N, C-alpha and C. Protein backbone atom coordinates (compact mmCIF):
# COMPACT_ATOMS: atom_id res chain seq x y z
N UNK A 1 95.58 89.46 125.97
CA UNK A 1 94.58 89.41 125.54
C UNK A 1 93.29 90.35 126.06
N UNK A 2 93.52 91.41 126.72
CA UNK A 2 93.20 91.94 126.85
C UNK A 2 92.79 92.84 125.89
N UNK A 3 93.50 93.72 125.06
CA UNK A 3 93.73 94.42 124.09
C UNK A 3 92.43 93.79 122.56
N UNK A 4 93.53 92.08 122.72
CA UNK A 4 92.26 91.48 122.13
C UNK A 4 91.23 91.46 122.18
N UNK A 5 90.55 90.97 123.29
CA UNK A 5 88.93 91.86 123.88
C UNK A 5 87.91 92.55 123.61
N UNK A 6 88.94 93.62 123.83
CA UNK A 6 88.49 94.86 123.24
C UNK A 6 88.25 94.64 121.62
N UNK A 7 88.86 94.39 120.80
CA UNK A 7 88.88 94.85 119.37
C UNK A 7 87.80 93.97 118.94
N UNK A 8 87.33 92.54 119.87
CA UNK A 8 86.89 91.85 119.64
C UNK A 8 85.52 92.40 119.42
N UNK A 9 85.27 93.09 120.70
CA UNK A 9 83.75 93.28 121.29
C UNK A 9 82.85 94.14 119.25
N UNK A 10 83.80 95.34 118.87
CA UNK A 10 82.82 96.13 117.90
C UNK A 10 82.79 94.95 117.09
N UNK A 11 83.25 93.96 116.97
CA UNK A 11 82.89 92.87 115.69
C UNK A 11 82.15 91.84 115.91
N UNK A 12 81.99 91.69 117.20
CA UNK A 12 80.55 90.57 117.67
C UNK A 12 79.25 91.73 117.97
N UNK A 13 79.98 92.80 118.03
CA UNK A 13 78.46 93.65 117.93
C UNK A 13 77.83 93.81 116.29
N UNK A 14 79.31 94.12 115.91
CA UNK A 14 78.77 93.88 113.92
C UNK A 14 77.81 92.76 114.25
N UNK A 15 78.52 91.66 114.17
CA UNK A 15 77.48 90.14 113.49
C UNK A 15 76.25 90.00 114.23
N UNK A 16 75.96 90.47 115.05
CA UNK A 16 74.79 89.80 116.08
C UNK A 16 73.70 91.07 115.19
N UNK A 17 74.28 92.29 114.56
CA UNK A 17 73.10 93.74 114.16
C UNK A 17 73.15 92.81 112.82
N UNK A 18 74.10 91.69 111.95
CA UNK A 18 73.88 91.46 110.55
C UNK A 18 72.92 90.11 110.65
N UNK A 19 73.11 89.57 112.10
CA UNK A 19 72.39 88.29 111.99
C UNK A 19 71.17 89.05 112.19
N UNK A 20 70.77 89.78 113.19
CA UNK A 20 69.30 90.65 112.83
C UNK A 20 68.48 91.02 111.15
N UNK A 21 69.36 91.11 110.82
CA UNK A 21 68.88 91.95 109.57
C UNK A 21 69.26 90.93 108.59
N UNK A 22 69.68 89.57 109.11
CA UNK A 22 69.44 88.66 108.16
C UNK A 22 68.25 87.99 108.11
N UNK A 23 67.19 88.49 110.04
CA UNK A 23 65.97 87.89 110.10
C UNK A 23 65.09 88.92 109.71
N UNK A 24 65.10 89.89 108.80
CA UNK A 24 64.24 91.33 108.78
C UNK A 24 64.09 90.68 106.89
N UNK A 25 62.83 91.49 106.47
CA UNK A 25 62.13 91.80 105.17
C UNK A 25 63.37 92.34 104.38
N UNK A 26 64.08 91.56 102.90
CA UNK A 26 65.05 92.79 102.24
C UNK A 26 64.91 93.69 102.04
N UNK A 27 64.41 95.23 102.16
CA UNK A 27 64.23 96.17 101.13
C UNK A 27 64.33 97.34 100.30
N UNK A 28 64.89 95.72 99.50
CA UNK A 28 65.53 96.52 98.42
C UNK A 28 64.40 95.98 97.37
N UNK A 29 64.00 97.15 95.98
CA UNK A 29 63.31 96.60 94.72
C UNK A 29 63.45 95.56 93.99
N UNK A 30 62.65 95.10 93.90
CA UNK A 30 62.27 93.42 92.93
C UNK A 30 63.61 93.45 91.80
N UNK A 31 63.85 94.88 91.54
CA UNK A 31 63.72 94.92 90.57
C UNK A 31 65.72 95.01 90.33
N UNK A 32 66.08 95.20 90.82
CA UNK A 32 67.58 95.59 92.07
C UNK A 32 67.71 94.14 92.73
N UNK A 33 67.22 93.27 93.12
CA UNK A 33 67.56 92.23 94.16
C UNK A 33 68.13 91.68 94.74
N UNK A 34 68.77 91.91 95.30
CA UNK A 34 70.59 91.56 95.50
C UNK A 34 71.78 91.30 94.78
N UNK A 35 71.00 92.38 93.36
CA UNK A 35 72.33 92.13 92.31
C UNK A 35 73.72 93.83 92.99
N UNK A 36 74.61 92.71 92.50
CA UNK A 36 76.24 93.49 93.11
C UNK A 36 76.24 94.90 91.80
N UNK A 37 76.57 96.16 93.41
CA UNK A 37 76.41 97.09 92.61
C UNK A 37 77.60 98.01 91.67
N UNK A 38 76.82 98.76 90.78
CA UNK A 38 77.83 99.06 89.84
C UNK A 38 79.37 99.68 90.72
N UNK A 39 78.77 100.48 91.54
CA UNK A 39 79.59 101.25 91.91
C UNK A 39 79.23 101.45 93.30
N UNK A 40 80.25 101.56 94.67
CA UNK A 40 80.36 102.26 95.64
C UNK A 40 81.65 102.52 96.75
N UNK A 41 81.02 103.09 97.95
CA UNK A 41 81.40 103.24 99.06
C UNK A 41 81.85 102.49 100.13
N UNK A 42 83.02 101.71 100.07
CA UNK A 42 83.79 101.17 101.39
C UNK A 42 84.24 101.31 102.58
N UNK A 43 83.53 101.17 103.10
CA UNK A 43 84.28 101.75 104.73
C UNK A 43 84.36 100.57 105.59
N UNK A 44 85.40 100.09 106.17
CA UNK A 44 85.67 99.03 107.40
C UNK A 44 86.79 99.61 107.84
N UNK A 45 87.08 98.77 109.42
CA UNK A 45 87.64 98.30 109.94
C UNK A 45 87.82 97.18 111.29
N UNK A 46 89.39 96.95 111.86
CA UNK A 46 88.80 95.05 112.75
C UNK A 46 89.80 95.26 113.12
N UNK A 47 90.76 94.53 113.03
CA UNK A 47 92.00 94.15 113.96
C UNK A 47 92.74 92.95 112.84
N UNK A 48 94.39 93.14 113.04
CA UNK A 48 95.03 92.49 112.28
C UNK A 48 95.56 91.93 113.28
N UNK A 49 96.21 90.85 113.15
CA UNK A 49 97.88 89.94 114.15
C UNK A 49 98.95 89.45 112.78
N UNK A 50 99.30 89.54 113.42
CA UNK A 50 101.33 88.94 112.35
C UNK A 50 101.20 88.70 112.74
N UNK A 51 102.44 87.36 112.16
CA UNK A 51 102.56 86.30 112.68
C UNK A 51 103.82 86.54 112.20
N UNK A 52 105.04 86.89 112.51
CA UNK A 52 106.54 87.05 111.93
C UNK A 52 106.74 87.54 113.85
N UNK A 53 107.35 86.68 114.57
CA UNK A 53 108.17 85.96 115.66
C UNK A 53 108.21 87.29 116.20
N UNK A 54 107.39 88.03 117.05
CA UNK A 54 108.20 89.20 117.93
C UNK A 54 107.48 90.42 117.23
N UNK A 55 106.45 89.87 116.63
CA UNK A 55 105.79 91.86 116.34
C UNK A 55 103.81 91.08 117.04
N UNK A 56 102.41 91.76 117.13
CA UNK A 56 101.57 91.35 117.20
C UNK A 56 100.37 91.84 116.96
N UNK A 57 99.84 92.00 117.74
CA UNK A 57 98.35 92.41 117.04
C UNK A 57 97.55 93.72 116.59
N UNK A 58 96.86 94.80 116.29
CA UNK A 58 96.20 96.22 116.08
C UNK A 58 95.50 95.66 116.06
N UNK A 59 94.80 97.26 115.55
CA UNK A 59 93.33 97.86 115.10
C UNK A 59 93.68 98.17 113.25
N UNK A 60 92.97 98.16 112.18
CA UNK A 60 93.02 98.50 111.37
C UNK A 60 91.82 99.02 111.10
N UNK A 61 92.38 100.15 110.21
CA UNK A 61 91.05 100.73 109.16
C UNK A 61 91.07 101.18 107.73
N UNK A 62 90.11 101.23 106.97
CA UNK A 62 90.34 101.10 105.61
C UNK A 62 88.68 102.19 105.19
N UNK A 63 89.50 102.51 103.58
CA UNK A 63 88.46 102.78 102.76
C UNK A 63 88.82 103.12 101.64
N UNK A 64 87.54 102.62 100.60
CA UNK A 64 88.11 102.83 99.30
C UNK A 64 87.22 102.56 98.10
N UNK A 65 86.66 102.21 97.01
CA UNK A 65 85.80 102.05 96.20
C UNK A 65 85.92 101.21 95.20
N UNK A 66 84.64 100.83 95.44
CA UNK A 66 83.65 99.43 94.25
C UNK A 66 83.59 99.88 93.24
N UNK A 67 84.69 98.52 92.04
CA UNK A 67 83.53 99.34 90.89
C UNK A 67 82.93 97.36 90.08
N UNK A 68 81.98 97.82 90.04
CA UNK A 68 81.26 96.07 89.36
C UNK A 68 82.15 95.80 87.80
N UNK A 69 83.98 94.92 87.39
CA UNK A 69 84.21 95.12 86.15
C UNK A 69 83.57 93.50 85.36
N UNK A 70 82.13 92.91 86.22
CA UNK A 70 81.65 91.72 84.82
C UNK A 70 80.33 91.35 85.97
N UNK A 71 80.15 90.12 85.24
CA UNK A 71 78.87 89.59 85.95
C UNK A 71 79.30 88.77 87.54
N UNK A 72 80.07 88.87 87.55
CA UNK A 72 80.53 88.10 88.96
C UNK A 72 82.06 88.67 89.82
N UNK A 73 82.38 89.46 89.17
CA UNK A 73 83.79 90.25 89.93
C UNK A 73 83.43 91.80 89.94
N UNK A 74 84.74 92.12 90.44
CA UNK A 74 84.15 94.03 90.88
C UNK A 74 85.93 94.07 91.23
N UNK A 75 86.28 95.10 90.77
CA UNK A 75 87.67 95.72 91.59
C UNK A 75 87.52 96.65 92.69
N UNK A 76 88.02 96.35 94.02
CA UNK A 76 88.15 97.04 95.20
C UNK A 76 89.75 97.67 95.05
N UNK A 77 89.59 99.44 95.29
CA UNK A 77 90.38 100.18 95.77
C UNK A 77 90.63 100.60 97.34
N UNK A 78 91.63 100.08 97.57
CA UNK A 78 91.51 99.99 98.82
C UNK A 78 92.81 101.25 99.89
N UNK A 79 92.33 101.88 100.36
CA UNK A 79 93.62 102.30 101.62
C UNK A 79 93.60 101.62 102.38
N UNK A 80 94.59 101.29 103.28
CA UNK A 80 93.93 100.39 104.75
C UNK A 80 95.47 101.04 105.00
N UNK A 81 94.94 100.63 106.92
CA UNK A 81 96.44 101.18 107.77
C UNK A 81 95.98 100.64 109.21
N UNK A 82 97.26 100.01 109.43
CA UNK A 82 97.19 99.90 110.99
C UNK A 82 98.74 99.50 111.93
N UNK A 83 98.78 99.46 112.87
CA UNK A 83 99.96 99.59 113.38
C UNK A 83 99.88 98.62 114.61
N UNK A 84 101.16 97.96 115.07
CA UNK A 84 101.08 96.66 115.67
C UNK A 84 102.30 96.72 116.20
N UNK A 85 101.95 96.02 117.84
CA UNK A 85 103.43 96.66 118.77
C UNK A 85 104.45 95.47 117.91
N UNK A 86 106.28 96.20 118.41
CA UNK A 86 107.24 94.83 118.35
C UNK A 86 107.46 94.54 119.38
N UNK A 87 108.59 93.55 119.50
CA UNK A 87 108.95 93.53 120.73
C UNK A 87 110.83 93.41 120.57
N UNK A 88 111.71 94.35 121.66
CA UNK A 88 112.47 93.92 121.79
C UNK A 88 113.88 92.58 121.39
N UNK A 89 114.08 93.09 120.22
CA UNK A 89 114.41 91.45 119.10
C UNK A 89 114.44 91.06 118.42
N UNK A 90 113.26 91.29 118.38
CA UNK A 90 112.52 91.23 116.86
C UNK A 90 113.45 92.02 115.95
N UNK A 91 113.35 91.29 114.25
CA UNK A 91 114.09 91.70 113.38
C UNK A 91 115.24 92.16 113.81
N UNK A 92 116.06 91.67 115.07
CA UNK A 92 117.52 91.94 115.60
C UNK A 92 117.48 93.62 115.48
N UNK A 93 116.13 94.10 116.38
CA UNK A 93 115.71 95.73 117.16
C UNK A 93 116.22 95.89 117.87
N UNK A 94 117.49 96.60 118.94
CA UNK A 94 117.88 96.74 120.22
C UNK A 94 116.64 97.53 120.74
N UNK A 95 115.79 97.88 120.04
CA UNK A 95 114.57 98.97 120.38
C UNK A 95 113.59 98.14 120.20
N UNK A 96 112.53 97.89 121.76
CA UNK A 96 111.19 97.97 121.32
C UNK A 96 110.29 98.95 120.50
N UNK A 97 109.24 99.09 119.98
CA UNK A 97 108.56 99.72 119.77
C UNK A 97 107.08 99.63 118.42
N UNK A 98 106.66 100.48 117.55
CA UNK A 98 105.17 100.39 117.06
C UNK A 98 105.45 100.16 115.74
N UNK A 99 105.19 99.35 114.62
CA UNK A 99 105.02 99.68 113.63
C UNK A 99 104.19 99.74 112.10
N UNK A 100 104.38 100.56 111.78
CA UNK A 100 102.74 100.90 111.48
C UNK A 100 102.47 100.37 109.74
N UNK A 101 101.75 100.12 108.66
CA UNK A 101 101.64 99.44 107.28
C UNK A 101 100.58 99.94 107.25
N UNK A 102 101.06 100.93 106.02
CA UNK A 102 99.63 101.98 105.14
C UNK A 102 99.87 100.86 103.76
N UNK A 103 98.51 100.60 103.46
CA UNK A 103 99.19 100.05 101.76
C UNK A 103 97.92 100.32 101.04
N UNK A 104 98.03 100.36 99.61
CA UNK A 104 97.33 101.24 98.92
C UNK A 104 96.92 99.00 97.80
N UNK A 105 95.59 99.10 98.46
CA UNK A 105 95.69 97.64 97.33
C UNK A 105 94.67 97.78 95.91
N UNK A 106 94.80 97.06 95.35
CA UNK A 106 93.63 96.37 94.22
C UNK A 106 93.46 95.38 94.11
N UNK A 107 91.78 94.91 94.88
CA UNK A 107 91.48 93.85 95.37
C UNK A 107 90.39 93.11 94.11
N UNK A 108 91.06 91.79 93.53
CA UNK A 108 89.56 91.46 92.45
C UNK A 108 88.71 90.91 93.41
N UNK A 109 87.36 91.09 93.13
CA UNK A 109 86.30 89.89 93.84
C UNK A 109 85.46 88.79 92.87
N UNK A 110 85.34 88.06 93.14
CA UNK A 110 84.90 87.33 92.65
C UNK A 110 83.62 86.58 93.03
N UNK A 111 82.78 86.83 92.67
CA UNK A 111 81.45 86.66 93.79
C UNK A 111 80.92 85.32 93.35
N UNK A 112 80.71 84.44 94.01
CA UNK A 112 80.24 83.23 94.55
C UNK A 112 78.61 83.05 93.82
N UNK A 113 77.56 83.48 94.69
CA UNK A 113 76.81 84.73 94.02
C UNK A 113 76.68 85.32 93.14
N UNK A 114 75.31 86.32 92.78
CA UNK A 114 75.31 87.35 91.82
C UNK A 114 73.82 88.14 92.74
N UNK A 115 72.90 87.30 93.36
CA UNK A 115 71.63 87.54 93.69
C UNK A 115 71.31 87.42 95.21
N UNK A 116 70.37 87.54 95.79
CA UNK A 116 70.20 87.55 96.40
C UNK A 116 70.80 88.14 98.43
N UNK A 117 70.09 88.10 99.41
CA UNK A 117 70.59 88.76 100.54
C UNK A 117 72.36 88.42 100.67
N UNK A 118 72.87 87.69 100.24
CA UNK A 118 73.27 86.81 101.07
C UNK A 118 74.92 86.79 100.18
N UNK A 119 75.65 87.83 100.10
CA UNK A 119 76.97 87.66 98.76
C UNK A 119 78.19 87.51 99.04
N UNK A 120 78.67 86.47 99.25
CA UNK A 120 79.89 85.67 99.02
C UNK A 120 80.86 85.38 97.99
N UNK A 121 82.11 85.93 98.72
CA UNK A 121 83.70 86.51 97.27
C UNK A 121 84.63 85.80 97.56
N UNK A 122 86.27 85.31 97.02
CA UNK A 122 86.91 84.87 96.78
C UNK A 122 87.62 86.81 96.65
N UNK A 123 88.72 86.66 97.16
CA UNK A 123 89.14 87.69 96.77
C UNK A 123 91.48 87.17 96.96
N UNK A 124 91.57 88.24 95.27
CA UNK A 124 92.73 88.61 95.53
C UNK A 124 93.33 90.02 95.08
N UNK A 125 94.28 89.74 95.56
CA UNK A 125 95.48 91.07 95.54
C UNK A 125 96.66 91.88 95.15
N UNK A 126 96.77 93.11 94.84
CA UNK A 126 97.92 93.55 95.18
C UNK A 126 98.16 94.81 96.23
N UNK A 127 99.49 95.45 96.28
CA UNK A 127 99.54 96.84 96.81
C UNK A 127 100.58 97.39 96.80
N UNK A 128 100.55 98.52 97.61
CA UNK A 128 101.90 99.06 97.54
C UNK A 128 101.80 99.63 99.19
N UNK A 129 103.43 99.11 99.47
CA UNK A 129 103.05 99.25 101.21
C UNK A 129 104.24 99.87 101.82
N UNK A 130 104.37 101.22 102.70
CA UNK A 130 104.59 102.02 103.26
C UNK A 130 104.87 101.72 104.50
N UNK A 131 105.84 101.06 105.14
CA UNK A 131 106.01 100.74 106.19
C UNK A 131 107.27 101.44 106.93
N UNK A 132 106.91 102.03 108.65
CA UNK A 132 107.69 103.23 109.00
C UNK A 132 107.48 102.61 110.68
N UNK A 133 108.24 102.88 111.65
CA UNK A 133 108.55 101.82 112.79
C UNK A 133 109.32 103.23 113.50
N UNK A 134 108.00 103.43 114.55
CA UNK A 134 109.08 104.04 115.76
C UNK A 134 109.34 103.58 117.32
N UNK A 135 110.34 103.42 117.74
CA UNK A 135 111.08 103.12 118.73
C UNK A 135 110.50 103.71 119.82
N UNK A 136 110.43 102.65 121.22
CA UNK A 136 110.46 103.57 121.95
C UNK A 136 111.29 104.19 122.88
N UNK A 137 112.69 103.40 122.13
CA UNK A 137 114.05 104.50 123.12
C UNK A 137 114.96 103.57 122.18
N UNK A 138 115.50 104.37 121.23
CA UNK A 138 116.64 103.39 120.77
C UNK A 138 118.13 104.36 121.68
N UNK A 139 119.12 103.67 121.59
CA UNK A 139 120.17 103.63 122.54
C UNK A 139 120.78 105.09 121.06
N UNK A 140 121.31 105.19 122.61
CA UNK A 140 121.97 106.60 121.77
C UNK A 140 123.49 105.61 121.04
N UNK A 141 123.90 106.87 119.25
CA UNK A 141 125.25 106.07 119.05
C UNK A 141 124.83 105.42 117.93
N UNK A 142 123.52 104.18 118.46
CA UNK A 142 123.15 103.35 117.24
C UNK A 142 122.39 103.39 115.89
N UNK A 143 123.11 103.25 114.59
CA UNK A 143 122.26 104.10 113.21
C UNK A 143 121.08 103.07 113.71
N UNK A 144 119.63 104.06 113.02
CA UNK A 144 118.31 104.06 113.76
C UNK A 144 118.19 102.66 111.95
N UNK A 145 117.42 102.03 112.59
CA UNK A 145 117.05 101.40 111.49
C UNK A 145 115.79 100.97 110.78
N UNK A 146 115.39 100.69 109.72
CA UNK A 146 113.82 101.02 109.34
C UNK A 146 113.86 100.79 108.00
N UNK A 147 112.42 99.80 107.58
CA UNK A 147 111.55 99.34 107.09
C UNK A 147 112.21 99.58 105.75
N UNK A 148 111.96 98.49 104.68
CA UNK A 148 112.30 98.78 102.63
C UNK A 148 110.07 98.68 101.99
N UNK A 149 110.04 100.04 101.89
CA UNK A 149 108.84 100.06 101.26
C UNK A 149 108.81 98.25 100.03
N UNK A 150 107.69 97.74 100.05
CA UNK A 150 107.97 96.61 99.06
C UNK A 150 106.21 96.74 99.14
N UNK A 151 106.04 95.86 97.90
CA UNK A 151 104.49 95.66 97.88
C UNK A 151 104.08 94.31 98.35
N UNK A 152 102.94 94.06 98.40
CA UNK A 152 101.61 93.38 98.87
C UNK A 152 100.70 92.49 98.18
N UNK A 153 100.99 90.82 98.92
CA UNK A 153 99.59 90.77 98.21
C UNK A 153 98.92 89.90 98.94
N UNK A 154 97.62 89.80 98.93
CA UNK A 154 96.53 89.51 99.70
C UNK A 154 95.65 88.60 99.08
N UNK A 155 95.09 87.73 100.06
CA UNK A 155 94.62 86.47 99.64
C UNK A 155 93.18 86.27 100.52
N UNK A 156 92.16 86.03 100.47
CA UNK A 156 91.00 86.20 101.56
C UNK A 156 89.74 85.94 100.88
N UNK A 157 89.08 85.92 101.94
CA UNK A 157 86.73 85.54 101.23
C UNK A 157 86.52 86.83 102.15
N UNK A 158 85.00 87.15 101.34
CA UNK A 158 84.45 88.37 101.79
C UNK A 158 82.97 87.83 102.18
N UNK A 159 81.73 88.84 102.37
CA UNK A 159 80.83 88.58 102.46
C UNK A 159 79.89 90.03 102.17
N UNK A 160 78.93 90.03 101.62
CA UNK A 160 78.19 91.14 101.45
C UNK A 160 77.17 90.65 101.92
N UNK A 161 76.40 91.51 102.99
CA UNK A 161 75.03 91.10 103.09
C UNK A 161 74.03 92.39 103.28
N UNK A 162 73.17 92.76 102.28
CA UNK A 162 72.22 93.30 101.59
C UNK A 162 71.17 94.03 102.79
N UNK A 163 71.94 95.16 102.91
CA UNK A 163 70.12 95.41 103.45
C UNK A 163 69.52 97.02 103.54
N UNK A 164 69.87 97.27 101.95
CA UNK A 164 69.02 97.82 100.82
C UNK A 164 69.18 98.01 99.61
N UNK A 165 68.67 97.99 99.14
CA UNK A 165 69.03 98.50 97.25
C UNK A 165 71.00 99.80 97.36
N UNK A 166 70.74 99.76 98.23
CA UNK A 166 72.13 101.29 98.65
C UNK A 166 72.82 101.36 99.61
N UNK A 167 72.57 99.83 100.53
CA UNK A 167 73.60 99.52 101.77
C UNK A 167 73.43 98.03 101.68
N UNK A 168 74.94 97.84 102.24
CA UNK A 168 75.08 96.49 102.81
C UNK A 168 76.42 96.63 103.47
N UNK A 169 76.24 95.36 104.78
CA UNK A 169 77.40 95.12 105.50
C UNK A 169 78.13 94.78 105.17
N UNK A 170 79.67 94.30 105.40
CA UNK A 170 80.45 93.32 104.59
C UNK A 170 81.51 92.81 105.62
N UNK A 171 81.78 92.27 104.93
CA UNK A 171 82.79 91.56 106.14
C UNK A 171 83.66 91.10 105.69
N UNK A 172 84.71 90.73 106.23
CA UNK A 172 86.49 90.18 105.27
C UNK A 172 87.57 88.76 106.03
N UNK A 173 88.11 88.06 105.45
CA UNK A 173 89.04 87.54 106.30
C UNK A 173 90.23 87.92 105.00
N UNK A 174 91.27 87.69 105.89
CA UNK A 174 92.46 88.35 104.88
C UNK A 174 93.70 88.10 104.87
N UNK A 175 94.48 87.49 104.17
CA UNK A 175 96.26 87.06 104.41
C UNK A 175 96.51 88.44 104.03
N UNK A 176 97.71 89.37 104.95
CA UNK A 176 98.20 90.56 103.66
C UNK A 176 99.69 89.72 103.94
N UNK A 177 100.26 89.79 102.70
CA UNK A 177 101.58 88.98 102.41
C UNK A 177 102.87 90.20 102.40
N UNK A 178 103.96 90.37 102.88
CA UNK A 178 104.49 92.11 102.95
C UNK A 178 106.04 91.00 103.03
N UNK A 179 106.68 90.72 102.01
CA UNK A 179 108.08 91.02 101.77
C UNK A 179 108.79 91.62 101.89
N UNK A 180 110.07 92.32 103.13
CA UNK A 180 110.57 93.27 103.19
C UNK A 180 112.03 92.87 104.56
N UNK A 181 112.43 93.82 104.72
CA UNK A 181 113.25 93.55 105.09
C UNK A 181 113.87 94.80 105.98
N UNK A 182 115.46 95.12 107.41
CA UNK A 182 115.65 96.32 107.51
C UNK A 182 116.68 96.50 107.22
N UNK A 183 117.09 97.83 107.23
CA UNK A 183 118.35 98.57 106.67
C UNK A 183 118.67 99.84 107.16
N UNK A 184 120.11 100.03 107.28
CA UNK A 184 120.41 101.85 108.67
C UNK A 184 119.93 102.79 107.68
N UNK A 185 119.16 103.46 108.35
CA UNK A 185 118.59 104.95 107.71
C UNK A 185 120.19 105.48 107.47
N UNK A 186 119.12 105.28 105.47
CA UNK A 186 119.86 106.94 105.28
C UNK A 186 120.72 106.04 103.75
N UNK A 187 119.67 104.91 103.55
CA UNK A 187 120.62 104.62 101.96
C UNK A 187 120.51 105.21 101.19
N UNK A 188 121.48 105.83 100.50
CA UNK A 188 121.42 106.41 98.95
C UNK A 188 121.51 105.48 97.60
N UNK A 189 121.99 104.52 98.04
CA UNK A 189 121.81 103.12 96.54
C UNK A 189 120.57 102.68 95.85
N UNK A 190 120.43 102.63 94.30
CA UNK A 190 118.77 102.39 94.54
C UNK A 190 118.45 100.79 95.11
N UNK A 191 117.24 100.84 95.06
CA UNK A 191 116.94 99.51 95.42
C UNK A 191 117.34 98.62 94.64
N UNK A 192 117.26 98.25 93.37
CA UNK A 192 118.11 97.50 92.74
C UNK A 192 119.00 96.87 92.94
N UNK A 193 119.70 97.54 93.83
CA UNK A 193 121.32 97.44 94.15
C UNK A 193 121.49 96.73 95.59
N UNK A 194 120.91 96.58 95.87
CA UNK A 194 120.18 95.66 97.23
C UNK A 194 120.13 94.40 97.15
N UNK A 195 121.04 93.40 97.87
CA UNK A 195 120.65 92.29 98.14
C UNK A 195 119.54 91.77 98.94
N UNK A 196 118.60 91.53 98.79
CA UNK A 196 117.70 91.72 100.35
C UNK A 196 118.24 90.17 100.77
N UNK A 197 118.68 88.97 100.15
CA UNK A 197 119.24 87.64 101.33
C UNK A 197 120.23 88.41 102.09
N UNK A 198 120.24 89.41 101.63
CA UNK A 198 121.83 90.09 102.88
C UNK A 198 121.20 90.46 103.59
N UNK A 199 119.87 91.11 103.88
CA UNK A 199 119.52 91.84 104.48
C UNK A 199 118.97 91.35 105.30
N UNK A 200 118.53 90.11 105.73
CA UNK A 200 117.68 89.18 107.16
C UNK A 200 115.79 89.59 106.12
N UNK A 201 115.53 88.68 105.64
CA UNK A 201 114.56 88.96 105.02
C UNK A 201 113.37 88.78 105.54
N UNK A 202 112.76 89.29 106.36
CA UNK A 202 111.29 89.46 106.57
C UNK A 202 109.80 89.00 106.19
N UNK A 203 108.47 87.88 106.69
CA UNK A 203 108.12 87.51 105.68
C UNK A 203 106.91 88.20 106.67
N UNK A 204 106.18 89.32 106.42
CA UNK A 204 105.30 89.61 107.99
C UNK A 204 103.63 89.17 106.89
N UNK A 205 103.50 88.17 107.52
CA UNK A 205 102.01 87.47 107.42
C UNK A 205 101.27 87.88 108.51
N UNK A 206 100.13 88.99 107.75
CA UNK A 206 99.20 89.79 108.49
C UNK A 206 97.66 89.36 108.06
N UNK A 207 96.99 88.27 108.95
CA UNK A 207 96.00 87.55 108.89
C UNK A 207 94.61 89.52 109.38
N UNK A 208 93.56 89.68 108.79
CA UNK A 208 93.06 90.54 108.87
C UNK A 208 91.46 90.07 108.71
N UNK A 209 91.18 91.12 109.57
CA UNK A 209 89.37 90.04 110.14
C UNK A 209 88.61 91.90 110.21
N UNK A 210 88.21 92.15 109.16
CA UNK A 210 87.07 93.50 109.39
C UNK A 210 85.44 93.69 109.33
N UNK A 211 85.25 94.54 109.80
CA UNK A 211 83.89 94.58 109.12
C UNK A 211 83.40 96.21 108.68
N UNK A 212 81.81 96.31 107.99
CA UNK A 212 82.60 97.64 107.38
C UNK A 212 80.88 97.90 106.82
N UNK A 213 81.00 99.38 105.99
CA UNK A 213 79.13 99.74 104.98
C UNK A 213 80.07 99.43 103.34
N UNK A 214 79.11 98.80 102.11
CA UNK A 214 79.55 99.48 101.35
C UNK A 214 78.54 99.83 100.85
N UNK A 215 78.41 101.10 100.47
CA UNK A 215 76.97 102.52 100.78
C UNK A 215 77.38 102.69 98.62
N UNK A 216 76.28 101.73 98.01
CA UNK A 216 76.40 101.77 96.64
C UNK A 216 75.77 103.14 95.92
N UNK A 217 76.22 103.99 94.95
CA UNK A 217 76.18 105.08 93.59
C UNK A 217 75.05 104.39 93.05
């Protein structure tokens, strides 16, 4: 609980700042008032909550680029990373530890509004995830277990709050889904020859909450 509270403080501070900005005049020129940027740098951070039994919550951070692709649409290329604790016995592990997930995402953003200070949108995306596991104390003589790197699916929504023609605050709530499994380290057979159903498939649903900035160019 204390860890979750410490993660929530930066999000609360950013929310207060966004509320204050909403009450101040918008400092953008009239010819680009509230426009979706054609190209922008995205930086954000927040918290993730993995729903699989025995997996906990942790901090996440990411960065990438945004490209406008249509009147109401844009593509975000994002590299994100987070780590969460894993309890003893989760996924049949013989040691507690920490799972780290690094994902390269391609998210399509569909904007509800295209003008104004506040620009809400829905998002849907895919990515490729690299998973790693660091045990606290792995028993001697027991084969190491590793996660299999897999594709990820994303669905959620976001909100851009325009501060100026070049800067916006952005917030997102997303579900990140990775279907994977654990296997003994040192597999030599191609992944296509592996039966995932025989490997105790894990569905790692991660609720991700993030706040950040979008810098337009």
